[in-house]
Amino acid sequence: MISPCISLCVLDPESELCEGCGRSLDEISQWSRMTDDQRRAVMSRLPERLKDLVSTST
């Protein structure tokens, strides 16, 4: 599975999520060790996280 990283690695200080991909530091650091099912679970949560990040920053 591909990574959701878009090379915009900035952590939101409030949520501690990456503003580029929506993952937490733990998810980013564990990505290569995760199973495909674990990655899919993370990927399924990213659109909502990113939407929340955008709405709290505006």
PDB file of N, CA and C in Angstrom:
ATOM      1  N   MET A   1       0.837  -1.182   0.000  1.00  0.00           N
ATOM      2  CA  MET A   1       0.000   0.000   0.000  1.00  0.00           C
ATOM      3  C   MET A   1       0.881   1.244   0.000  1.00  0.00           C
ATOM      4  N   ILE A   2       0.458   2.223  -0.753  1.00  0.00           N
ATOM      5  CA  ILE A   2       1.215   3.470  -0.814  1.00  0.00           C
ATOM      6  C   ILE A   2       1.026   4.278   0.460  1.00  0.00           C
ATOM      7  N   SER A   3       1.913   5.191   0.681  1.00  0.00           N
ATOM      8  CA  SER A   3       1.848   6.073   1.841  1.00  0.00           C
ATOM      9  C   SER A   3       0.990   7.294   1.503  1.00  0.00           C
ATOM     10  N   PRO A   4       0.242   7.818   2.476  1.00  0.00           N
ATOM     11  CA  PRO A   4      -0.535   9.027   2.228  1.00  0.00           C
ATOM     12  C   PRO A   4       0.304  10.304   2.301  1.00  0.00           C
ATOM     13  N   CYS A   5       1.598  10.161   2.553  1.00  0.00           N
ATOM     14  CA  CYS A   5       2.480  11.318   2.692  1.00  0.00           C
ATOM     15  C   CYS A   5       2.505  12.147   1.409  1.00  0.00           C
ATOM     16  N   ILE A   6       2.365  13.473   1.579  1.00  0.00           N
ATOM     17  CA  ILE A   6       2.450  14.378   0.432  1.00  0.00           C
ATOM     18  C   ILE A   6       3.627  15.340   0.587  1.00  0.00           C
ATOM     19  N   SER A   7       4.568  14.966   1.456  1.00  0.00           N
ATOM     20  CA  SER A   7       5.777  15.752   1.717  1.00  0.00           C
ATOM     21  C   SER A   7       5.472  17.157   2.232  1.00  0.00           C
ATOM     22  N   LEU A   8       4.398  17.273   3.002  1.00  0.00           N
ATOM     23  CA  LEU A   8       4.070  18.505   3.706  1.00  0.00           C
ATOM     24  C   LEU A   8       4.010  18.121   5.179  1.00  0.00           C
ATOM     25  N   CYS A   9       5.176  17.978   5.775  1.00  0.00           N
ATOM     26  CA  CYS A   9       5.305  17.416   7.120  1.00  0.00           C
ATOM     27  C   CYS A   9       5.317  18.517   8.171  1.00  0.00           C
ATOM     28  N   VAL A  10       4.117  18.922   8.574  1.00  0.00           N
ATOM     29  CA  VAL A  10       3.942  19.953   9.592  1.00  0.00           C
ATOM     30  C   VAL A  10       2.919  19.421  10.586  1.00  0.00           C
ATOM     31  N   LEU A  11       3.316  19.355  11.861  1.00  0.00           N
ATOM     32  CA  LEU A  11       2.380  18.879  12.876  1.00  0.00           C
ATOM     33  C   LEU A  11       1.536  20.017  13.413  1.00  0.00           C
ATOM     34  N   ASP A  12       0.238  19.782  13.470  1.00  0.00           N
ATOM     35  CA  ASP A  12      -0.669  20.726  14.090  1.00  0.00           C
ATOM     36  C   ASP A  12      -0.444  20.644  15.598  1.00  0.00           C
ATOM     37  N   PRO A  13      -0.120  21.761  16.253  1.00  0.00           N
ATOM     38  CA  PRO A  13       0.215  21.709  17.676  1.00  0.00           C
ATOM     39  C   PRO A  13      -0.946  21.284  18.568  1.00  0.00           C
ATOM     40  N   GLU A  14      -2.155  21.551  18.144  1.00  0.00           N
ATOM     41  CA  GLU A  14      -3.318  21.210  18.963  1.00  0.00           C
ATOM     42  C   GLU A  14      -3.685  19.732  18.848  1.00  0.00           C
ATOM     43  N   SER A  15      -3.817  19.232  17.624  1.00  0.00           N
ATOM     44  CA  SER A  15      -4.243  17.843  17.419  1.00  0.00           C
ATOM     45  C   SER A  15      -3.076  16.866  17.375  1.00  0.00           C
ATOM     46  N   GLU A  16      -1.862  17.403  17.138  1.00  0.00           N
ATOM     47  CA  GLU A  16      -0.662  16.586  16.952  1.00  0.00           C
ATOM     48  C   GLU A  16      -0.775  15.645  15.755  1.00  0.00           C
ATOM     49  N   LEU A  17      -1.510  16.093  14.744  1.00  0.00           N
ATOM     50  CA  LEU A  17      -1.632  15.357  13.487  1.00  0.00           C
ATOM     51  C   LEU A  17      -0.887  16.116  12.404  1.00  0.00           C
ATOM     52  N   CYS A  18      -0.362  15.379  11.432  1.00  0.00           N
ATOM     53  CA  CYS A  18       0.324  15.997  10.304  1.00  0.00           C
ATOM     54  C   CYS A  18      -0.694  16.752   9.454  1.00  0.00           C
ATOM     55  N   GLU A  19      -0.404  17.996   9.162  1.00  0.00           N
ATOM     56  CA  GLU A  19      -1.301  18.809   8.342  1.00  0.00           C
ATOM     57  C   GLU A  19      -1.304  18.366   6.879  1.00  0.00           C
ATOM     58  N   GLY A  20      -0.290  17.631   6.461  1.00  0.00           N
ATOM     59  CA  GLY A  20      -0.227  17.157   5.086  1.00  0.00           C
ATOM     60  C   GLY A  20      -1.011  15.879   4.859  1.00  0.00           C
ATOM     61  N   CYS A  21      -0.811  14.891   5.744  1.00  0.00           N
ATOM     62  CA  CYS A  21      -1.439  13.585   5.510  1.00  0.00           C
ATOM     63  C   CYS A  21      -2.490  13.206   6.546  1.00  0.00           C
ATOM     64  N   GLY A  22      -2.500  13.869   7.692  1.00  0.00           N
ATOM     65  CA  GLY A  22      -3.497  13.581   8.715  1.00  0.00           C
ATOM     66  C   GLY A  22      -3.119  12.499   9.708  1.00  0.00           C
ATOM     67  N   ARG A  23      -1.922  11.939   9.559  1.00  0.00           N
ATOM     68  CA  ARG A  23      -1.515  10.873  10.473  1.00  0.00           C
ATOM     69  C   ARG A  23      -0.860  11.444  11.727  1.00  0.00           C
ATOM     70  N   SER A  24      -0.903  10.630  12.795  1.00  0.00           N
ATOM     71  CA  SER A  24      -0.204  10.986  14.027  1.00  0.00           C
ATOM     72  C   SER A  24       1.267  10.605  13.878  1.00  0.00           C
ATOM     73  N   LEU A  25       2.102  11.117  14.770  1.00  0.00           N
ATOM     74  CA  LEU A  25       3.523  10.744  14.741  1.00  0.00           C
ATOM     75  C   LEU A  25       3.706   9.238  14.889  1.00  0.00           C
ATOM     76  N   ASP A  26       2.915   8.629  15.759  1.00  0.00           N
ATOM     77  CA  ASP A  26       2.996   7.184  15.958  1.00  0.00           C
ATOM     78  C   ASP A  26       2.656   6.438  14.669  1.00  0.00           C
ATOM     79  N   GLU A  27       1.595   6.879  14.001  1.00  0.00           N
ATOM     80  CA  GLU A  27       1.200   6.233  12.745  1.00  0.00           C
ATOM     81  C   GLU A  27       2.274   6.409  11.678  1.00  0.00           C
ATOM     82  N   ILE A  28       2.868   7.582  11.623  1.00  0.00           N
ATOM     83  CA  ILE A  28       3.931   7.835  10.647  1.00  0.00           C
ATOM     84  C   ILE A  28       5.132   6.935  10.929  1.00  0.00           C
ATOM     85  N   SER A  29       5.540   6.865  12.186  1.00  0.00           N
ATOM     86  CA  SER A  29       6.730   6.083  12.518  1.00  0.00           C
ATOM     87  C   SER A  29       6.502   4.582  12.383  1.00  0.00           C
ATOM     88  N   GLN A  30       5.277   4.130  12.563  1.00  0.00           N
ATOM     89  CA  GLN A  30       4.977   2.699  12.487  1.00  0.00           C
ATOM     90  C   GLN A  30       4.519   2.242  11.098  1.00  0.00           C
ATOM     91  N   TRP A  31       4.336   3.160  10.184  1.00  0.00           N
ATOM     92  CA  TRP A  31       3.735   2.864   8.878  1.00  0.00           C
ATOM     93  C   TRP A  31       4.384   1.662   8.189  1.00  0.00           C
ATOM     94  N   SER A  32       5.685   1.621   8.130  1.00  0.00           N
ATOM     95  CA  SER A  32       6.351   0.535   7.396  1.00  0.00           C
ATOM     96  C   SER A  32       6.223  -0.809   8.112  1.00  0.00           C
ATOM     97  N   ARG A  33       5.868  -0.791   9.392  1.00  0.00           N
ATOM     98  CA  ARG A  33       5.711  -2.037  10.139  1.00  0.00           C
ATOM     99  C   ARG A  33       4.253  -2.490  10.253  1.00  0.00           C
ATOM    100  N   MET A  34       3.337  -1.651   9.809  1.00  0.00           N
ATOM    101  CA  MET A  34       1.912  -1.984   9.889  1.00  0.00           C
ATOM    102  C   MET A  34       1.527  -3.016   8.843  1.00  0.00           C
ATOM    103  N   THR A  35       0.506  -3.789   9.162  1.00  0.00           N
ATOM    104  CA  THR A  35      -0.061  -4.704   8.173  1.00  0.00           C
ATOM    105  C   THR A  35      -0.911  -3.889   7.201  1.00  0.00           C
ATOM    106  N   ASP A  36      -1.259  -4.489   6.082  1.00  0.00           N
ATOM    107  CA  ASP A  36      -2.118  -3.796   5.123  1.00  0.00           C
ATOM    108  C   ASP A  36      -3.460  -3.424   5.759  1.00  0.00           C
ATOM    109  N   ASP A  37      -4.003  -4.311   6.597  1.00  0.00           N
ATOM    110  CA  ASP A  37      -5.278  -4.012   7.261  1.00  0.00           C
ATOM    111  C   ASP A  37      -5.141  -2.819   8.197  1.00  0.00           C
ATOM    112  N   GLN A  38      -4.053  -2.733   8.922  1.00  0.00           N
ATOM    113  CA  GLN A  38      -3.828  -1.588   9.811  1.00  0.00           C
ATOM    114  C   GLN A  38      -3.687  -0.303   9.009  1.00  0.00           C
ATOM    115  N   ARG A  39      -2.973  -0.378   7.904  1.00  0.00           N
ATOM    116  CA  ARG A  39      -2.817   0.812   7.052  1.00  0.00           C
ATOM    117  C   ARG A  39      -4.152   1.255   6.470  1.00  0.00           C
ATOM    118  N   ARG A  40      -4.950   0.280   6.028  1.00  0.00           N
ATOM    119  CA  ARG A  40      -6.271   0.614   5.492  1.00  0.00           C
ATOM    120  C   ARG A  40      -7.133   1.298   6.557  1.00  0.00           C
ATOM    121  N   ALA A  41      -7.048   0.819   7.786  1.00  0.00           N
ATOM    122  CA  ALA A  41      -7.819   1.420   8.880  1.00  0.00           C
ATOM    123  C   ALA A  41      -7.395   2.874   9.091  1.00  0.00           C
ATOM    124  N   VAL A  42      -6.097   3.128   9.077  1.00  0.00           N
ATOM    125  CA  VAL A  42      -5.601   4.507   9.219  1.00  0.00           C
ATOM    126  C   VAL A  42      -6.069   5.340   8.032  1.00  0.00           C
ATOM    127  N   MET A  43      -5.895   4.807   6.835  1.00  0.00           N
ATOM    128  CA  MET A  43      -6.272   5.542   5.616  1.00  0.00           C
ATOM    129  C   MET A  43      -7.752   5.918   5.631  1.00  0.00           C
ATOM    130  N   SER A  44      -8.597   5.053   6.164  1.00  0.00           N
ATOM    131  CA  SER A  44     -10.035   5.336   6.173  1.00  0.00           C
ATOM    132  C   SER A  44     -10.380   6.504   7.093  1.00  0.00           C
ATOM    133  N   ARG A  45      -9.537   6.786   8.072  1.00  0.00           N
ATOM    134  CA  ARG A  45      -9.788   7.890   9.005  1.00  0.00           C
ATOM    135  C   ARG A  45      -9.215   9.227   8.516  1.00  0.00           C
ATOM    136  N   LEU A  46      -8.309   9.200   7.563  1.00  0.00           N
ATOM    137  CA  LEU A  46      -7.604  10.417   7.162  1.00  0.00           C
ATOM    138  C   LEU A  46      -8.492  11.500   6.556  1.00  0.00           C
ATOM    139  N   PRO A  47      -9.443  11.191   5.684  1.00  0.00           N
ATOM    140  CA  PRO A  47     -10.252  12.279   5.112  1.00  0.00           C
ATOM    141  C   PRO A  47     -10.971  13.109   6.180  1.00  0.00           C
ATOM    142  N   GLU A  48     -11.539  12.446   7.174  1.00  0.00           N
ATOM    143  CA  GLU A  48     -12.241  13.173   8.239  1.00  0.00           C
ATOM    144  C   GLU A  48     -11.268  13.984   9.083  1.00  0.00           C
ATOM    145  N   ARG A  49     -10.118  13.414   9.381  1.00  0.00           N
ATOM    146  CA  ARG A  49      -9.099  14.141  10.157  1.00  0.00           C
ATOM    147  C   ARG A  49      -8.655  15.394   9.425  1.00  0.00           C
ATOM    148  N   LEU A  50      -8.368  15.254   8.127  1.00  0.00           N
ATOM    149  CA  LEU A  50      -7.908  16.400   7.346  1.00  0.00           C
ATOM    150  C   LEU A  50      -8.991  17.458   7.251  1.00  0.00           C
ATOM    151  N   LYS A  51     -10.241  17.035   7.111  1.00  0.00           N
ATOM    152  CA  LYS A  51     -11.352  17.985   7.077  1.00  0.00           C
ATOM    153  C   LYS A  51     -11.423  18.752   8.389  1.00  0.00           C
ATOM    154  N   ASP A  52     -11.258  18.048   9.507  1.00  0.00           N
ATOM    155  CA  ASP A  52     -11.267  18.696  10.817  1.00  0.00           C
ATOM    156  C   ASP A  52     -10.087  19.655  10.978  1.00  0.00           C
ATOM    157  N   LEU A  53      -8.915  19.265  10.480  1.00  0.00           N
ATOM    158  CA  LEU A  53      -7.747  20.142  10.557  1.00  0.00           C
ATOM    159  C   LEU A  53      -7.977  21.435   9.797  1.00  0.00           C
ATOM    160  N   VAL A  54      -8.558  21.337   8.614  1.00  0.00           N
ATOM    161  CA  VAL A  54      -8.823  22.522   7.788  1.00  0.00           C
ATOM    162  C   VAL A  54      -9.849  23.418   8.466  1.00  0.00           C
ATOM    163  N   SER A  55     -10.894  22.830   9.025  1.00  0.00           N
ATOM    164  CA  SER A  55     -11.952  23.638   9.630  1.00  0.00           C
ATOM    165  C   SER A  55     -11.495  24.327  10.913  1.00  0.00           C
ATOM    166  N   THR A  56     -10.547  23.744  11.646  1.00  0.00           N
ATOM    167  CA  THR A  56     -10.074  24.385  12.871  1.00  0.00           C
ATOM    168  C   THR A  56      -9.014  25.442  12.599  1.00  0.00           C
ATOM    169  N   SER A  57      -8.394  25.394  11.424  1.00  0.00           N
ATOM    170  CA  SER A  57      -7.349  26.367  11.108  1.00  0.00           C
ATOM    171  C   SER A  57      -7.883  27.612  10.408  1.00  0.00           C
ATOM    172  N   THR A  58      -9.157  27.597  10.038  1.00  0.00           N
ATOM    173  CA  THR A  58      -9.712  28.766   9.338  1.00  0.00           C
ATOM    174  C   THR A  58     -10.583  29.589  10.235  1.00  0.00           C
TER     175      THR A  58
END
